[in-house]
Protein backbone atom coordinates (compact mmCIF):
# COMPACT_ATOMS: atom_id res chain seq x y z
CA MET A 1 -48.85 -28.64 73.56
CA ILE A 2 -46.28 -29.25 70.89
CA ASN A 3 -42.77 -30.37 71.71
CA LEU A 4 -40.81 -29.28 68.64
CA ARG A 5 -38.10 -31.93 69.07
CA GLN A 6 -40.68 -34.72 69.11
CA ALA A 7 -42.89 -33.28 66.37
CA VAL A 8 -40.16 -32.93 63.75
CA PHE A 9 -38.15 -36.00 62.83
CA TYR A 10 -34.75 -34.43 62.42
CA GLU A 11 -31.69 -35.56 64.31
CA TYR A 12 -30.70 -32.09 65.48
CA VAL A 13 -33.05 -29.26 66.36
CA ASP A 14 -31.27 -26.09 67.45
CA ASP A 15 -31.85 -25.13 71.11
CA GLY A 16 -32.34 -21.49 70.09
CA VAL A 17 -35.11 -22.43 67.66
CA VAL A 18 -36.85 -24.50 70.35
CA GLU A 19 -36.55 -21.64 72.86
CA ILE A 20 -38.03 -19.11 70.42
CA PHE A 21 -40.82 -21.51 69.38
CA ASP A 22 -41.71 -22.24 73.00
CA ARG A 23 -41.97 -18.50 73.67
CA TYR A 24 -44.48 -17.94 70.83
CA LYS A 25 -46.35 -21.25 70.44
CA TRP A 26 -49.17 -20.35 72.82
CA GLY A 27 -49.73 -17.00 71.15
CA LEU A 28 -49.71 -18.56 67.70
CA ARG A 29 -52.20 -21.18 68.87
CA ARG A 30 -54.50 -18.54 70.42
CA LEU A 31 -54.33 -16.49 67.23
CA GLY A 32 -55.58 -19.51 65.29
CA VAL A 33 -52.48 -21.01 63.67
CA ASN A 34 -52.77 -24.69 62.79
CA PHE A 35 -49.45 -26.42 63.48
CA SER A 36 -49.15 -28.70 60.47
CA GLN A 37 -46.09 -30.87 59.94
CA ASP A 38 -45.04 -28.58 57.08
CA LEU A 39 -45.20 -25.49 59.32
CA LEU A 40 -43.25 -27.19 62.12
CA GLU A 41 -40.54 -28.30 59.69
CA THR A 42 -40.40 -24.79 58.24
CA ILE A 43 -39.87 -23.41 61.75
CA VAL A 44 -37.03 -25.87 62.40
CA TYR A 45 -35.37 -25.11 59.06
CA CYS A 46 -35.98 -21.34 59.18
CA PRO A 47 -32.61 -19.96 58.08
CA HIS A 48 -32.84 -16.56 59.74
CA ASN A 49 -35.04 -14.01 61.52
CA LEU A 50 -37.29 -16.60 63.18
CA GLU A 51 -38.15 -14.44 66.18
CA ASN A 52 -38.57 -11.25 64.14
CA THR A 53 -40.87 -13.05 61.74
CA LEU A 54 -42.96 -14.40 64.62
CA ILE A 55 -43.18 -10.92 66.19
CA ALA A 56 -44.26 -9.35 62.90
CA PHE A 57 -46.72 -12.17 62.19
CA CYS A 58 -48.35 -12.07 65.65
CA SER A 59 -48.65 -8.28 65.43
CA TRP A 60 -50.19 -8.51 61.97
CA VAL A 61 -52.79 -11.08 63.09
CA LEU A 62 -53.62 -9.05 66.22
CA TRP A 63 -54.06 -5.98 64.03
CA LEU A 64 -56.36 -7.90 61.66
CA LYS A 65 -58.45 -9.12 64.59
CA SER A 66 -58.62 -5.59 66.05
CA LYS A 67 -60.11 -4.47 62.71
CA GLY A 68 -62.72 -7.24 62.85
CA GLU A 69 -61.16 -9.27 60.04
CA LYS A 70 -61.94 -12.99 59.98
CA THR A 71 -59.05 -15.35 59.35
CA SER A 72 -59.01 -19.11 58.97
CA PRO A 73 -56.38 -21.36 60.56
CA GLU A 74 -55.35 -22.60 57.12
CA ILE A 75 -54.75 -19.09 55.76
CA LEU A 76 -52.82 -18.10 58.88
CA SER A 77 -50.68 -21.24 58.75
CA ASP A 78 -49.97 -20.81 55.03
CA THR A 79 -49.10 -17.14 55.50
CA LEU A 80 -46.75 -17.92 58.39
CA THR A 81 -45.10 -20.71 56.39
CA GLN A 82 -44.51 -18.36 53.45
CA ALA A 83 -43.17 -15.63 55.77
CA LEU A 84 -40.70 -18.08 57.31
CA LYS A 85 -39.59 -19.32 53.88
CA SER A 86 -39.05 -15.83 52.44
CA ASP A 87 -35.50 -14.60 51.88
CA LYS A 88 -35.35 -12.26 54.85
CA GLY A 89 -38.43 -13.27 56.83
CA TRP A 90 -40.75 -10.56 58.04
CA ILE A 91 -39.03 -7.69 59.80
CA PRO A 92 -41.23 -6.05 62.45
CA TYR A 93 -41.54 -2.29 62.50
CA ASP A 94 -41.30 -0.50 65.83
CA TYR A 95 -45.06 0.08 65.92
CA GLN A 96 -45.61 -3.69 65.51
CA LYS A 97 -43.31 -4.41 68.46
CA ASP A 98 -45.23 -1.82 70.50
CA PHE A 99 -48.57 -3.31 69.41
CA LEU A 100 -47.44 -6.79 70.46
CA ALA A 101 -46.09 -5.42 73.76
CA GLN A 102 -49.61 -4.15 74.52
CA HIS A 103 -50.96 -7.68 73.98
CA LEU A 104 -48.28 -9.78 75.68
CA ASP A 105 -50.92 -11.82 77.50
CA ILE A 106 -51.61 -13.60 74.19
CA LEU A 107 -48.17 -15.23 74.50
CA GLU A 108 -48.74 -16.59 78.01
CA SER A 109 -49.05 -20.30 78.57
CA PRO A 110 -52.40 -21.60 79.88
CA GLN A 111 -50.71 -22.31 83.22
CA LEU A 112 -49.69 -18.69 83.72
CA SER A 113 -52.99 -17.30 82.42
CA LEU A 114 -55.01 -19.52 84.74
CA TRP A 115 -52.69 -18.84 87.69
CA LYS A 116 -53.20 -15.10 87.21
CA ALA A 117 -56.96 -15.50 86.75
CA ALA A 118 -57.14 -17.61 89.92
CA GLY A 119 -55.28 -14.91 91.82
CA GLN A 120 -57.73 -12.28 90.60
CA GLN A 121 -60.87 -14.35 91.21
CA LEU A 122 -59.95 -16.18 94.40
CA GLY A 123 -57.29 -13.95 95.89
CA GLU A 124 -53.68 -15.06 96.06
CA ARG A 125 -53.94 -16.59 99.52
CA LEU A 126 -56.87 -18.87 98.69
CA ARG A 127 -55.38 -19.70 95.26
CA ASN A 128 -52.11 -20.80 96.87
CA ARG A 129 -53.98 -23.01 99.34
CA VAL A 130 -56.31 -24.81 96.97
CA ILE A 131 -54.51 -25.15 93.61
CA ALA A 132 -52.00 -28.01 93.50
CA ASP A 133 -51.00 -27.71 89.84
CA ILE A 134 -52.09 -26.54 86.41
CA SER A 135 -51.30 -28.84 83.48
CA GLU A 136 -49.79 -27.58 80.23
CA GLU A 137 -53.20 -27.97 78.61
CA GLY A 138 -54.81 -25.78 81.27
CA GLU A 139 -56.41 -28.37 83.56
CA ILE A 140 -56.50 -27.16 87.16
CA ILE A 141 -55.72 -29.75 89.82
CA PHE A 142 -57.04 -28.82 93.25
CA HIS A 143 -55.58 -30.04 96.54
CA PRO A 144 -57.86 -32.75 97.97
CA ASN A 145 -59.28 -32.62 101.49
CA ILE A 146 -58.75 -28.91 102.18
CA MET A 147 -60.96 -27.42 104.88
CA LEU A 148 -62.82 -24.46 103.39
CA THR A 149 -65.36 -21.99 104.68
CA ASP A 150 -68.70 -21.69 102.91
CA GLU A 151 -67.56 -18.38 101.41
CA GLU A 152 -64.35 -19.94 100.06
CA THR A 153 -66.30 -22.86 98.60
CA LYS A 154 -68.64 -20.42 96.81
CA LYS A 155 -65.64 -18.51 95.43
CA ILE A 156 -64.12 -21.72 94.10
CA GLU A 157 -67.39 -22.82 92.48
CA ALA A 158 -67.77 -19.37 90.86
CA PHE A 159 -64.17 -19.62 89.65
CA LYS A 160 -64.84 -23.02 88.07
CA VAL A 161 -67.84 -21.55 86.21
CA TYR A 162 -65.69 -18.61 85.10
CA ILE A 163 -62.98 -20.96 83.77
CA ASP A 164 -65.56 -23.11 81.95
CA GLN A 165 -66.86 -19.97 80.21
CA LEU A 166 -63.34 -18.99 79.16
CA PHE A 167 -62.82 -22.30 77.36
CA LEU A 168 -66.19 -22.61 75.62
């Protein structure tokens, strides 16, 4: 995924901005935002209310999707860019914060989402035995040469099918 310091050619990128961006980048990506160079630079140069604007924006997009509205990545990216460039940014209302709190899983990284899914599908004990790592992009790396029962092997194969269906 995007490393803000490497993506934007600016000699100083504020640590706070990077921390906030890292917290929301997965959610923005899942919601359909296209991270153009212009949007990334706007995030870096956002003068104020970066996190509030991202909260309000994510809540707004989730609300649109809950109503069945179709949005394109270009429209979402342009809207977010304009929100970040506005004088005060977008200020989230309490109901927007509550709405986002109900959908916090959208902000999770692929590693955490897959780790949780593996725990649910395989059970925590089997998951901890067989999964060596999960890359930032969501690729699961299994421990090699683990002795498994037939039942455990079937669970793992079913889990792999489940994961393939998630990423279609």
